[in-house]
Amino acid sequence: MQVPDSPVGGGSVCGSGLDFWTQWGNANYSGVTFFNVQNQTDVADWPCFSKHYVTFPLTNIPAGKLIKSAHLSLHQFGNADPQNAKSSLIQVFSIKDDWKISTLTWNNAPLALENLSQTWVGVIQTSVPWPGNEYTWDVSRAVDQAYQSGAPVRLVIYSADSAQHSGKYFTTSEAGDWDAVGRPTLFVDWGNPN
């Protein structure tokens, strides 16, 4: 199933082709098939900063259930400059406010509400079998809170890396059906309350 998701920031090309002062912060990347998560210490490299937003509807979970656990699955297929890259601690945050794919930008993206989970994502030196290396994050708390309030769960994937060449590339929900398994996926285990 495809879900609303969209990156903000400089992407895998650090905002190449954009005026950094008038266009970068307002760039919209709706429809892209992969995203980059990247940050670094050198503030002069801020055009390379990138994060990703995703919203999962919870309407397929019947009413009155207990959320036992939930995890987000992403598939990494590459990274920036493999010869110099370092592993990245990638974090998932919940967000409260809604957003739209067609208008989401770095400048108007919702702020993080709570740091939910983190996972170390490695460096890919050579090609890996498609759809890539799967990584998961525990998002049980955010899913439970969203379900209890009758809202979708809204997440942002971010990294506070310090090293250059820290970008990690993942598949978006816009990937074709041939790559459906690589799309961001939410796995939820629910049951009946005691």
N, C-alpha and C. Protein backbone atom coordinates (compact mmCIF):
# COMPACT_ATOMS: atom_id res chain seq x y z
N MET A 1 0.84 -1.19 0.00
CA MET A 1 0.00 0.00 0.00
C MET A 1 0.89 1.24 0.00
N GLN A 2 0.56 2.19 -0.83
CA GLN A 2 1.28 3.45 -0.83
C GLN A 2 0.70 4.36 0.24
N VAL A 3 1.57 5.11 0.89
CA VAL A 3 1.16 6.04 1.94
C VAL A 3 1.78 7.40 1.64
N PRO A 4 1.23 8.47 2.22
CA PRO A 4 1.83 9.79 2.00
C PRO A 4 3.23 9.86 2.62
N ASP A 5 4.23 10.16 1.80
CA ASP A 5 5.58 10.38 2.32
C ASP A 5 6.31 11.33 1.39
N SER A 6 7.23 12.10 1.96
CA SER A 6 7.97 13.07 1.16
C SER A 6 9.21 13.54 1.92
N PRO A 7 10.34 13.68 1.21
CA PRO A 7 11.54 14.22 1.84
C PRO A 7 11.55 15.74 1.82
N VAL A 8 12.38 16.31 2.67
CA VAL A 8 12.66 17.75 2.64
C VAL A 8 14.16 17.93 2.80
N GLY A 9 14.68 19.06 2.34
CA GLY A 9 16.10 19.35 2.45
C GLY A 9 16.79 19.27 1.11
N GLY A 10 18.05 18.84 1.12
CA GLY A 10 18.87 18.87 -0.08
C GLY A 10 18.88 17.60 -0.90
N GLY A 11 18.28 16.53 -0.39
CA GLY A 11 18.28 15.26 -1.11
C GLY A 11 19.68 14.70 -1.28
N SER A 12 19.85 13.84 -2.25
CA SER A 12 21.15 13.18 -2.45
C SER A 12 22.15 14.06 -3.19
N VAL A 13 21.69 15.22 -3.69
CA VAL A 13 22.59 16.11 -4.44
C VAL A 13 22.80 17.45 -3.73
N CYS A 14 22.46 17.49 -2.44
CA CYS A 14 22.68 18.69 -1.62
C CYS A 14 22.04 19.94 -2.22
N GLY A 15 20.86 19.78 -2.80
CA GLY A 15 20.15 20.93 -3.35
C GLY A 15 20.76 21.50 -4.61
N SER A 16 21.54 20.70 -5.31
CA SER A 16 22.19 21.18 -6.54
C SER A 16 21.16 21.75 -7.52
N GLY A 17 21.48 22.90 -8.09
CA GLY A 17 20.59 23.55 -9.03
C GLY A 17 19.62 24.53 -8.39
N LEU A 18 19.57 24.54 -7.06
CA LEU A 18 18.68 25.47 -6.35
C LEU A 18 19.49 26.63 -5.79
N ASP A 19 18.89 27.81 -5.77
CA ASP A 19 19.50 28.92 -5.05
C ASP A 19 19.33 28.62 -3.56
N PHE A 20 20.43 28.51 -2.83
CA PHE A 20 20.36 28.09 -1.43
C PHE A 20 19.62 29.08 -0.55
N TRP A 21 19.56 30.34 -0.95
CA TRP A 21 18.95 31.36 -0.09
C TRP A 21 17.50 31.63 -0.43
N THR A 22 17.08 31.35 -1.66
CA THR A 22 15.70 31.67 -2.03
C THR A 22 14.87 30.45 -2.43
N GLN A 23 15.51 29.33 -2.79
CA GLN A 23 14.76 28.17 -3.28
C GLN A 23 14.89 26.93 -2.40
N TRP A 24 16.06 26.70 -1.82
CA TRP A 24 16.33 25.44 -1.11
C TRP A 24 15.28 25.14 -0.05
N GLY A 25 15.00 26.07 0.83
CA GLY A 25 14.06 25.84 1.93
C GLY A 25 12.63 25.67 1.50
N ASN A 26 12.32 26.07 0.27
CA ASN A 26 10.95 25.97 -0.24
C ASN A 26 10.78 24.89 -1.30
N ALA A 27 11.82 24.08 -1.50
CA ALA A 27 11.75 23.02 -2.52
C ALA A 27 10.82 21.91 -2.06
N ASN A 28 9.98 21.44 -2.98
CA ASN A 28 9.06 20.34 -2.72
C ASN A 28 9.48 19.15 -3.58
N TYR A 29 9.53 17.98 -2.98
CA TYR A 29 10.01 16.78 -3.67
C TYR A 29 8.93 15.72 -3.84
N SER A 30 7.68 16.13 -3.97
CA SER A 30 6.62 15.14 -4.13
C SER A 30 6.86 14.31 -5.39
N GLY A 31 6.62 13.02 -5.28
CA GLY A 31 6.75 12.13 -6.42
C GLY A 31 8.09 11.45 -6.57
N VAL A 32 9.08 11.78 -5.72
CA VAL A 32 10.39 11.12 -5.85
C VAL A 32 10.29 9.68 -5.38
N THR A 33 11.15 8.82 -5.91
CA THR A 33 11.08 7.39 -5.59
C THR A 33 12.11 6.94 -4.56
N PHE A 34 12.99 7.85 -4.14
CA PHE A 34 13.89 7.51 -3.04
C PHE A 34 14.19 8.77 -2.24
N PHE A 35 14.63 8.56 -1.00
CA PHE A 35 14.97 9.70 -0.15
C PHE A 35 16.29 9.48 0.54
N ASN A 36 16.88 10.58 0.97
CA ASN A 36 18.16 10.61 1.65
C ASN A 36 17.94 11.12 3.07
N VAL A 37 18.59 10.49 4.04
CA VAL A 37 18.60 11.00 5.41
C VAL A 37 20.05 11.38 5.70
N GLN A 38 20.27 12.68 6.00
CA GLN A 38 21.65 13.14 6.14
C GLN A 38 21.72 14.39 7.00
N ASN A 39 22.81 14.49 7.74
CA ASN A 39 23.14 15.66 8.53
C ASN A 39 24.65 15.64 8.72
N GLN A 40 25.24 16.71 9.18
CA GLN A 40 26.66 16.70 9.51
C GLN A 40 27.01 17.92 10.35
N THR A 41 28.18 17.87 10.97
CA THR A 41 28.60 18.92 11.90
C THR A 41 28.89 20.25 11.22
N ASP A 42 29.54 20.21 10.07
CA ASP A 42 29.94 21.44 9.39
C ASP A 42 28.71 22.19 8.90
N VAL A 43 28.38 23.28 9.60
CA VAL A 43 27.16 24.02 9.26
C VAL A 43 27.22 24.61 7.86
N ALA A 44 28.43 24.76 7.31
CA ALA A 44 28.55 25.27 5.94
C ALA A 44 27.98 24.29 4.93
N ASP A 45 27.81 23.03 5.33
CA ASP A 45 27.24 22.02 4.45
C ASP A 45 25.74 21.83 4.65
N TRP A 46 25.07 22.82 5.25
CA TRP A 46 23.64 22.68 5.53
C TRP A 46 22.80 22.35 4.30
N PRO A 47 23.19 22.73 3.06
CA PRO A 47 22.34 22.32 1.94
C PRO A 47 22.23 20.81 1.76
N CYS A 48 23.11 20.03 2.42
CA CYS A 48 23.05 18.57 2.33
C CYS A 48 22.11 17.95 3.37
N PHE A 49 21.64 18.75 4.33
CA PHE A 49 20.74 18.20 5.35
C PHE A 49 19.46 17.69 4.70
N SER A 50 19.01 16.51 5.10
CA SER A 50 17.79 15.92 4.54
C SER A 50 17.10 15.05 5.58
N LYS A 51 15.79 15.09 5.58
CA LYS A 51 14.97 14.22 6.43
C LYS A 51 13.72 13.83 5.66
N HIS A 52 12.94 12.92 6.22
CA HIS A 52 11.81 12.35 5.47
C HIS A 52 10.57 12.23 6.35
N TYR A 53 9.43 12.62 5.80
CA TYR A 53 8.14 12.56 6.50
C TYR A 53 7.28 11.45 5.92
N VAL A 54 6.57 10.74 6.79
CA VAL A 54 5.66 9.68 6.33
C VAL A 54 4.46 9.61 7.27
N THR A 55 3.29 9.37 6.70
CA THR A 55 2.05 9.23 7.47
C THR A 55 1.41 7.89 7.14
N PHE A 56 1.05 7.15 8.18
CA PHE A 56 0.37 5.87 7.99
C PHE A 56 -1.04 5.95 8.55
N PRO A 57 -2.06 5.74 7.72
CA PRO A 57 -3.43 5.66 8.26
C PRO A 57 -3.56 4.38 9.08
N LEU A 58 -4.37 4.42 10.10
CA LEU A 58 -4.57 3.25 10.96
C LEU A 58 -5.99 2.71 10.84
N THR A 59 -6.66 3.04 9.75
CA THR A 59 -8.06 2.68 9.57
C THR A 59 -8.28 1.18 9.38
N ASN A 60 -7.24 0.42 9.06
CA ASN A 60 -7.40 -1.03 8.90
C ASN A 60 -7.39 -1.77 10.23
N ILE A 61 -7.07 -1.08 11.31
CA ILE A 61 -7.11 -1.71 12.63
C ILE A 61 -8.53 -1.56 13.17
N PRO A 62 -9.20 -2.67 13.49
CA PRO A 62 -10.57 -2.56 14.01
C PRO A 62 -10.64 -1.75 15.29
N ALA A 63 -11.79 -1.20 15.56
CA ALA A 63 -12.00 -0.41 16.78
C ALA A 63 -11.90 -1.30 18.01
N GLY A 64 -11.48 -0.71 19.12
CA GLY A 64 -11.46 -1.38 20.40
C GLY A 64 -10.33 -2.36 20.61
N LYS A 65 -9.28 -2.26 19.83
CA LYS A 65 -8.15 -3.19 19.96
C LYS A 65 -7.05 -2.60 20.85
N LEU A 66 -6.15 -3.46 21.26
CA LEU A 66 -4.98 -3.07 22.04
C LEU A 66 -3.76 -3.17 21.13
N ILE A 67 -3.00 -2.09 21.02
CA ILE A 67 -1.78 -2.11 20.22
C ILE A 67 -0.70 -2.77 21.05
N LYS A 68 -0.23 -3.96 20.60
CA LYS A 68 0.81 -4.68 21.32
C LYS A 68 2.20 -4.17 20.94
N SER A 69 2.42 -3.94 19.64
CA SER A 69 3.71 -3.43 19.18
C SER A 69 3.55 -2.93 17.75
N ALA A 70 4.49 -2.09 17.34
CA ALA A 70 4.50 -1.59 15.96
C ALA A 70 5.92 -1.22 15.60
N HIS A 71 6.27 -1.50 14.36
CA HIS A 71 7.59 -1.07 13.91
C HIS A 71 7.55 -0.59 12.46
N LEU A 72 8.40 0.37 12.19
CA LEU A 72 8.57 0.94 10.86
C LEU A 72 9.69 0.19 10.16
N SER A 73 9.46 -0.19 8.91
CA SER A 73 10.48 -0.86 8.10
C SER A 73 10.83 0.00 6.90
N LEU A 74 12.15 0.22 6.71
CA LEU A 74 12.67 0.94 5.55
C LEU A 74 13.75 0.08 4.91
N HIS A 75 13.90 0.23 3.59
CA HIS A 75 14.94 -0.52 2.87
C HIS A 75 15.99 0.43 2.32
N GLN A 76 17.22 0.27 2.79
CA GLN A 76 18.35 1.08 2.32
C GLN A 76 18.98 0.38 1.11
N PHE A 77 19.14 1.15 0.02
CA PHE A 77 19.77 0.57 -1.17
C PHE A 77 21.10 1.23 -1.52
N GLY A 78 21.48 2.29 -0.80
CA GLY A 78 22.73 2.97 -1.10
C GLY A 78 23.03 4.05 -0.09
N ASN A 79 24.11 4.77 -0.34
CA ASN A 79 24.51 5.87 0.53
C ASN A 79 25.47 6.79 -0.20
N ALA A 80 25.70 7.95 0.40
CA ALA A 80 26.62 8.93 -0.18
C ALA A 80 28.06 8.42 -0.08
N ASP A 81 28.84 8.65 -1.12
CA ASP A 81 30.28 8.40 -1.16
C ASP A 81 30.71 7.16 -0.36
N PRO A 82 30.42 5.96 -0.87
CA PRO A 82 30.68 4.72 -0.12
C PRO A 82 32.11 4.58 0.41
N GLN A 83 33.10 5.10 -0.29
CA GLN A 83 34.49 4.94 0.16
C GLN A 83 34.79 5.74 1.42
N ASN A 84 34.05 6.83 1.65
CA ASN A 84 34.29 7.69 2.81
C ASN A 84 33.15 7.69 3.82
N ALA A 85 32.09 6.96 3.53
CA ALA A 85 30.90 7.00 4.38
C ALA A 85 31.13 6.34 5.72
N LYS A 86 30.33 6.73 6.68
CA LYS A 86 30.32 6.15 8.03
C LYS A 86 28.90 5.65 8.31
N SER A 87 28.80 4.75 9.28
CA SER A 87 27.47 4.32 9.72
C SER A 87 26.73 5.51 10.33
N SER A 88 25.41 5.46 10.30
CA SER A 88 24.58 6.56 10.80
C SER A 88 23.59 6.07 11.84
N LEU A 89 23.40 6.86 12.88
CA LEU A 89 22.35 6.60 13.86
C LEU A 89 21.11 7.36 13.37
N ILE A 90 20.18 6.63 12.81
CA ILE A 90 18.98 7.26 12.25
C ILE A 90 17.85 7.12 13.25
N GLN A 91 17.19 8.25 13.49
CA GLN A 91 16.14 8.34 14.50
C GLN A 91 14.78 8.54 13.85
N VAL A 92 13.75 8.06 14.53
CA VAL A 92 12.37 8.29 14.10
C VAL A 92 11.67 9.06 15.21
N PHE A 93 11.04 10.15 14.81
CA PHE A 93 10.28 11.01 15.72
C PHE A 93 8.80 10.98 15.34
N SER A 94 7.96 11.15 16.31
CA SER A 94 6.54 11.38 16.01
C SER A 94 6.35 12.87 15.76
N ILE A 95 5.34 13.18 14.98
CA ILE A 95 4.94 14.58 14.79
C ILE A 95 3.44 14.68 15.01
N LYS A 96 3.00 15.83 15.44
CA LYS A 96 1.59 16.02 15.77
C LYS A 96 0.80 16.58 14.59
N ASP A 97 1.38 17.51 13.88
CA ASP A 97 0.64 18.25 12.86
C ASP A 97 0.61 17.54 11.52
N ASP A 98 -0.50 17.72 10.83
CA ASP A 98 -0.67 17.14 9.51
C ASP A 98 0.14 17.95 8.49
N TRP A 99 0.36 17.39 7.31
CA TRP A 99 1.09 18.05 6.23
C TRP A 99 0.57 17.48 4.92
N LYS A 100 0.89 18.14 3.82
CA LYS A 100 0.45 17.69 2.50
C LYS A 100 1.66 17.46 1.61
N ILE A 101 1.63 16.37 0.86
CA ILE A 101 2.73 16.05 -0.05
C ILE A 101 3.00 17.20 -1.01
N SER A 102 1.96 17.79 -1.54
CA SER A 102 2.11 18.81 -2.59
C SER A 102 2.71 20.12 -2.10
N THR A 103 2.73 20.33 -0.78
CA THR A 103 3.22 21.61 -0.26
C THR A 103 4.33 21.48 0.77
N LEU A 104 4.71 20.26 1.14
CA LEU A 104 5.71 20.07 2.20
C LEU A 104 7.08 20.56 1.75
N THR A 105 7.72 21.39 2.58
CA THR A 105 9.08 21.88 2.33
C THR A 105 9.84 21.90 3.66
N TRP A 106 11.13 22.13 3.58
CA TRP A 106 11.93 22.25 4.81
C TRP A 106 11.38 23.37 5.69
N ASN A 107 11.00 24.49 5.07
CA ASN A 107 10.57 25.66 5.83
C ASN A 107 9.22 25.50 6.52
N ASN A 108 8.34 24.65 5.98
CA ASN A 108 7.01 24.53 6.60
C ASN A 108 6.76 23.15 7.21
N ALA A 109 7.76 22.28 7.22
CA ALA A 109 7.59 20.92 7.74
C ALA A 109 7.27 20.96 9.23
N PRO A 110 6.37 20.09 9.70
CA PRO A 110 6.05 20.06 11.14
C PRO A 110 7.25 19.72 11.99
N LEU A 111 7.27 20.26 13.18
CA LEU A 111 8.35 20.00 14.12
C LEU A 111 8.17 18.63 14.78
N ALA A 112 9.28 18.03 15.18
CA ALA A 112 9.24 16.75 15.88
C ALA A 112 8.56 16.92 17.23
N LEU A 113 7.81 15.90 17.62
CA LEU A 113 7.13 15.91 18.91
C LEU A 113 7.88 15.07 19.93
N GLU A 114 8.27 13.84 19.53
CA GLU A 114 8.94 12.93 20.47
C GLU A 114 9.90 12.02 19.72
N ASN A 115 11.09 11.83 20.28
CA ASN A 115 12.06 10.90 19.73
C ASN A 115 11.63 9.49 20.16
N LEU A 116 11.26 8.65 19.18
CA LEU A 116 10.69 7.34 19.48
C LEU A 116 11.71 6.22 19.50
N SER A 117 12.62 6.24 18.52
CA SER A 117 13.45 5.07 18.31
C SER A 117 14.67 5.45 17.49
N GLN A 118 15.70 4.63 17.57
CA GLN A 118 16.90 4.86 16.78
C GLN A 118 17.49 3.53 16.36
N THR A 119 18.14 3.52 15.21
CA THR A 119 18.77 2.31 14.69
C THR A 119 20.04 2.71 13.94
N TRP A 120 21.11 1.94 14.14
CA TRP A 120 22.33 2.17 13.38
C TRP A 120 22.15 1.61 11.98
N VAL A 121 22.42 2.43 10.98
CA VAL A 121 22.33 2.04 9.57
C VAL A 121 23.74 2.04 8.99
N GLY A 122 24.12 0.91 8.42
CA GLY A 122 25.48 0.73 7.94
C GLY A 122 25.75 1.34 6.58
N VAL A 123 26.97 1.16 6.12
CA VAL A 123 27.42 1.65 4.82
C VAL A 123 27.33 0.51 3.82
N ILE A 124 26.81 0.79 2.65
CA ILE A 124 26.78 -0.18 1.56
C ILE A 124 27.96 0.13 0.63
N GLN A 125 28.90 -0.79 0.57
CA GLN A 125 30.10 -0.61 -0.26
C GLN A 125 29.89 -1.12 -1.69
N THR A 126 29.11 -2.17 -1.83
CA THR A 126 28.83 -2.75 -3.15
C THR A 126 27.32 -2.93 -3.28
N SER A 127 26.87 -3.33 -4.44
CA SER A 127 25.43 -3.50 -4.62
C SER A 127 24.91 -4.60 -3.70
N VAL A 128 23.68 -4.43 -3.27
CA VAL A 128 23.03 -5.42 -2.41
C VAL A 128 21.79 -5.93 -3.13
N PRO A 129 21.33 -7.15 -2.81
CA PRO A 129 20.11 -7.66 -3.44
C PRO A 129 18.94 -6.72 -3.21
N TRP A 130 18.17 -6.48 -4.26
CA TRP A 130 17.01 -5.59 -4.15
C TRP A 130 15.95 -6.26 -3.31
N PRO A 131 15.25 -5.58 -2.43
CA PRO A 131 15.08 -4.13 -2.37
C PRO A 131 16.09 -3.39 -1.49
N GLY A 132 17.13 -4.06 -1.03
CA GLY A 132 18.12 -3.41 -0.18
C GLY A 132 18.11 -3.99 1.21
N ASN A 133 18.89 -3.39 2.09
CA ASN A 133 18.99 -3.84 3.48
C ASN A 133 17.82 -3.28 4.28
N GLU A 134 17.09 -4.17 4.94
CA GLU A 134 15.94 -3.74 5.74
C GLU A 134 16.40 -3.31 7.13
N TYR A 135 15.85 -2.17 7.58
CA TYR A 135 16.07 -1.69 8.93
C TYR A 135 14.72 -1.40 9.55
N THR A 136 14.62 -1.58 10.88
CA THR A 136 13.35 -1.34 11.55
C THR A 136 13.54 -0.43 12.77
N TRP A 137 12.47 0.26 13.10
CA TRP A 137 12.42 1.15 14.26
C TRP A 137 11.14 0.85 15.04
N ASP A 138 11.25 0.81 16.36
CA ASP A 138 10.09 0.57 17.21
C ASP A 138 9.29 1.88 17.32
N VAL A 139 8.08 1.86 16.81
CA VAL A 139 7.21 3.05 16.85
C VAL A 139 5.91 2.74 17.59
N SER A 140 5.97 1.77 18.50
CA SER A 140 4.77 1.31 19.21
C SER A 140 4.04 2.44 19.93
N ARG A 141 4.80 3.27 20.63
CA ARG A 141 4.18 4.35 21.42
C ARG A 141 3.41 5.31 20.52
N ALA A 142 4.01 5.70 19.41
CA ALA A 142 3.34 6.65 18.51
C ALA A 142 2.09 6.03 17.88
N VAL A 143 2.19 4.77 17.48
CA VAL A 143 1.03 4.11 16.88
C VAL A 143 -0.09 3.98 17.90
N ASP A 144 0.23 3.59 19.12
CA ASP A 144 -0.79 3.47 20.16
C ASP A 144 -1.47 4.81 20.42
N GLN A 145 -0.69 5.87 20.55
CA GLN A 145 -1.26 7.20 20.81
C GLN A 145 -2.15 7.65 19.64
N ALA A 146 -1.68 7.44 18.42
CA ALA A 146 -2.47 7.84 17.25
C ALA A 146 -3.76 7.03 17.17
N TYR A 147 -3.66 5.73 17.38
CA TYR A 147 -4.83 4.85 17.33
C TYR A 147 -5.86 5.26 18.39
N GLN A 148 -5.39 5.52 19.60
CA GLN A 148 -6.31 5.91 20.68
C GLN A 148 -7.01 7.23 20.38
N SER A 149 -6.35 8.11 19.63
CA SER A 149 -6.96 9.41 19.31
C SER A 149 -7.71 9.40 17.98
N GLY A 150 -7.68 8.27 17.27
CA GLY A 150 -8.39 8.17 16.00
C GLY A 150 -7.70 8.88 14.86
N ALA A 151 -6.40 9.09 14.99
CA ALA A 151 -5.64 9.82 13.96
C ALA A 151 -4.65 8.87 13.28
N PRO A 152 -4.13 9.27 12.12
CA PRO A 152 -3.04 8.49 11.52
C PRO A 152 -1.76 8.72 12.32
N VAL A 153 -0.78 7.83 12.16
CA VAL A 153 0.50 8.04 12.82
C VAL A 153 1.41 8.80 11.86
N ARG A 154 1.96 9.90 12.34
CA ARG A 154 2.82 10.76 11.52
C ARG A 154 4.24 10.70 12.08
N LEU A 155 5.21 10.42 11.17
CA LEU A 155 6.59 10.22 11.59
C LEU A 155 7.54 11.04 10.74
N VAL A 156 8.70 11.33 11.30
CA VAL A 156 9.78 11.95 10.53
C VAL A 156 11.05 11.16 10.81
N ILE A 157 11.81 10.86 9.75
CA ILE A 157 13.05 10.11 9.84
C ILE A 157 14.19 11.11 9.72
N TYR A 158 15.10 11.08 10.68
CA TYR A 158 16.11 12.13 10.82
C TYR A 158 17.41 11.52 11.33
N SER A 159 18.51 12.21 11.10
CA SER A 159 19.78 11.81 11.68
C SER A 159 20.52 13.04 12.18
N ALA A 160 21.20 12.90 13.29
CA ALA A 160 22.03 13.98 13.84
C ALA A 160 23.51 13.66 13.61
N ASP A 161 23.81 13.03 12.48
CA ASP A 161 25.19 12.66 12.15
C ASP A 161 26.13 13.85 12.20
N SER A 162 27.40 13.55 12.49
CA SER A 162 28.41 14.59 12.45
C SER A 162 29.34 14.45 11.26
N ALA A 163 29.48 13.24 10.71
CA ALA A 163 30.44 12.99 9.63
C ALA A 163 29.91 13.46 8.28
N GLN A 164 30.85 13.90 7.43
CA GLN A 164 30.48 14.15 6.04
C GLN A 164 30.16 12.82 5.37
N HIS A 165 29.50 12.88 4.23
CA HIS A 165 29.16 11.69 3.46
C HIS A 165 28.31 10.71 4.28
N SER A 166 27.43 11.24 5.11
CA SER A 166 26.63 10.39 6.00
C SER A 166 25.29 9.99 5.39
N GLY A 167 24.96 10.48 4.20
CA GLY A 167 23.65 10.23 3.62
C GLY A 167 23.36 8.76 3.40
N LYS A 168 22.14 8.35 3.76
CA LYS A 168 21.67 6.98 3.54
C LYS A 168 20.41 7.05 2.68
N TYR A 169 20.35 6.20 1.64
CA TYR A 169 19.28 6.25 0.65
C TYR A 169 18.28 5.13 0.87
N PHE A 170 17.00 5.50 0.92
CA PHE A 170 15.90 4.57 1.14
C PHE A 170 14.83 4.77 0.06
N THR A 171 14.01 3.76 -0.13
CA THR A 171 12.92 3.80 -1.09
C THR A 171 11.71 4.52 -0.50
N THR A 172 11.02 5.32 -1.32
CA THR A 172 9.80 5.99 -0.87
C THR A 172 8.58 5.17 -1.26
N SER A 173 7.44 5.65 -0.81
CA SER A 173 6.17 5.01 -1.15
C SER A 173 5.80 5.22 -2.62
N GLU A 174 6.47 6.16 -3.27
CA GLU A 174 6.21 6.44 -4.68
C GLU A 174 6.85 5.42 -5.62
N ALA A 175 7.66 4.51 -5.07
CA ALA A 175 8.29 3.49 -5.91
C ALA A 175 7.20 2.67 -6.60
N GLY A 176 7.51 2.18 -7.78
CA GLY A 176 6.54 1.41 -8.55
C GLY A 176 6.16 0.11 -7.86
N ASP A 177 5.09 -0.52 -8.37
CA ASP A 177 4.61 -1.75 -7.77
C ASP A 177 5.67 -2.86 -7.81
N TRP A 178 6.57 -2.79 -8.77
CA TRP A 178 7.64 -3.80 -8.85
C TRP A 178 8.53 -3.75 -7.61
N ASP A 179 8.52 -2.60 -6.90
CA ASP A 179 9.35 -2.40 -5.72
C ASP A 179 8.49 -2.19 -4.47
N ALA A 180 7.30 -2.75 -4.47
CA ALA A 180 6.37 -2.52 -3.35
C ALA A 180 6.96 -2.95 -2.02
N VAL A 181 7.74 -4.03 -2.01
CA VAL A 181 8.31 -4.51 -0.75
C VAL A 181 9.34 -3.53 -0.18
N GLY A 182 9.91 -2.67 -1.03
CA GLY A 182 10.88 -1.69 -0.57
C GLY A 182 10.28 -0.43 0.01
N ARG A 183 8.99 -0.23 -0.20
CA ARG A 183 8.34 0.99 0.30
C ARG A 183 8.33 1.03 1.83
N PRO A 184 8.26 2.25 2.42
CA PRO A 184 8.10 2.33 3.88
C PRO A 184 6.87 1.54 4.30
N THR A 185 7.04 0.71 5.32
CA THR A 185 5.96 -0.17 5.76
C THR A 185 5.84 -0.11 7.27
N LEU A 186 4.59 -0.09 7.72
CA LEU A 186 4.29 -0.11 9.15
C LEU A 186 3.70 -1.47 9.49
N PHE A 187 4.34 -2.18 10.42
CA PHE A 187 3.85 -3.47 10.89
C PHE A 187 3.27 -3.26 12.28
N VAL A 188 2.01 -3.64 12.46
CA VAL A 188 1.33 -3.45 13.75
C VAL A 188 0.78 -4.78 14.23
N ASP A 189 1.08 -5.10 15.48
CA ASP A 189 0.52 -6.28 16.13
C ASP A 189 -0.51 -5.79 17.14
N TRP A 190 -1.77 -6.20 16.95
CA TRP A 190 -2.81 -5.78 17.88
C TRP A 190 -3.58 -7.00 18.37
N GLY A 191 -4.31 -6.78 19.44
CA GLY A 191 -5.13 -7.87 20.01
C GLY A 191 -6.29 -7.30 20.80
N ASN A 192 -6.99 -8.16 21.48
CA ASN A 192 -8.13 -7.74 22.28
C ASN A 192 -7.68 -7.38 23.68
N PRO A 193 -8.24 -6.31 24.27
CA PRO A 193 -7.91 -5.96 25.65
C PRO A 193 -8.35 -7.09 26.60
N ASN A 194 -7.67 -7.24 27.72
CA ASN A 194 -8.06 -8.25 28.72
C ASN A 194 -9.35 -7.86 29.38
